[in-house]
Protein backbone atom coordinates (compact mmCIF):
# COMPACT_ATOMS: atom_id res chain seq x y z
CA MET A 1 3.31 -10.07 -15.02
CA ASP A 2 4.43 -12.10 -11.95
CA ASN A 3 2.52 -11.45 -8.61
CA LEU A 4 5.66 -10.60 -6.81
CA VAL A 5 6.66 -7.94 -9.42
CA TRP A 6 3.13 -6.53 -9.46
CA ASN A 7 2.95 -6.33 -5.68
CA GLU A 8 6.38 -4.63 -5.49
CA ARG A 9 5.39 -2.03 -7.96
CA THR A 10 2.16 -1.43 -6.28
CA LYS A 11 3.90 -0.92 -2.92
CA LEU A 12 6.32 1.50 -4.45
CA LEU A 13 3.48 3.49 -5.78
CA ALA A 14 1.60 3.53 -2.43
CA GLY A 15 4.73 4.61 -0.74
CA ALA A 16 5.27 7.36 -3.16
CA LEU A 17 1.80 8.54 -2.72
CA ASP A 18 2.02 8.47 1.09
CA ARG A 19 5.28 10.47 1.00
CA LEU A 20 3.57 13.00 -1.23
CA SER A 21 0.83 13.37 1.38
CA THR A 22 3.41 13.87 4.07
CA ALA A 23 4.89 16.64 2.03
CA CYS A 24 1.43 18.30 1.56
CA PHE A 25 1.07 18.24 5.29
CA THR A 26 4.50 19.73 5.89
CA LEU A 27 4.13 22.38 3.19
CA GLY A 28 0.69 23.38 3.97
CA ILE A 29 0.36 23.08 7.79
CA LEU A 30 3.79 23.27 9.44
CA THR A 31 5.24 25.97 7.13
CA PRO A 32 2.43 28.56 7.78
CA VAL A 33 2.63 27.85 11.55
CA ALA A 34 6.40 28.47 11.51
CA ALA A 35 5.93 31.59 9.51
CA GLY A 36 3.14 32.69 11.91
CA ILE A 37 5.34 32.23 14.94
CA TYR A 38 8.35 33.94 13.53
CA GLY A 39 7.03 36.72 11.49
CA PRO A 40 3.20 37.02 11.12
CA ALA A 41 3.42 40.69 10.12
CA GLN A 42 5.59 40.07 7.23
CA LEU A 43 3.33 37.60 5.42
CA GLY A 44 0.78 40.19 4.35
CA LEU A 45 -1.99 37.44 4.39
CA SER A 46 -5.10 37.40 6.33
CA PRO A 47 -5.46 34.66 9.09
CA GLN A 48 -8.67 33.51 7.34
CA PHE A 49 -6.74 32.95 4.02
CA LEU A 50 -4.02 31.01 5.95
CA LEU A 51 -6.58 28.98 7.62
CA LEU A 52 -8.31 28.12 4.33
CA ALA A 53 -5.01 27.35 2.52
CA ALA A 54 -3.79 25.19 5.43
CA GLY A 55 -7.23 23.24 5.35
CA SER A 56 -6.99 22.87 1.71
CA TRP A 57 -3.48 21.37 1.98
CA LEU A 58 -4.56 19.08 4.86
CA VAL A 59 -7.61 17.77 2.77
CA GLY A 60 -5.24 17.15 -0.20
CA GLY A 61 -2.73 15.35 1.96
CA PHE A 62 -5.43 13.18 3.44
CA ALA A 63 -6.87 12.37 -0.04
CA LEU A 64 -3.47 11.26 -1.20
CA HIS A 65 -3.03 8.99 1.84
CA MET A 66 -6.39 7.43 1.27
CA PHE A 67 -5.50 6.97 -2.42
CA ALA A 68 -2.40 5.15 -1.28
CA GLN A 69 -4.58 2.88 0.99
CA ILE A 70 -6.73 2.09 -1.99
CA VAL A 71 -3.61 1.30 -4.21
CA LEU A 72 -2.53 -1.23 -1.35
CA GLY A 73 -5.74 -2.94 -1.61
CA LYS A 74 -4.74 -3.86 -5.23
CA LEU A 75 -2.09 -6.32 -4.04
CA GLN A 76 -2.33 -9.73 -5.54
CA GLN A 77 -1.93 -13.11 -3.76
């Protein structure tokens, strides 16, 4: 496969992984924060559980971002 095609496909994959990591951050961090501000009593979940869940989403998003960095390291010259 031509290096140009390989590099473009690699960049597309890395971009998709990075967007997925951003979605994980938005879903796992910003959504519980907004829910806590606008209606904490309606959630029915303990703050410890929310903190653990948010931390899990944060770690998952960071892992996806780092994987995207590794994928970019596969670019060919």
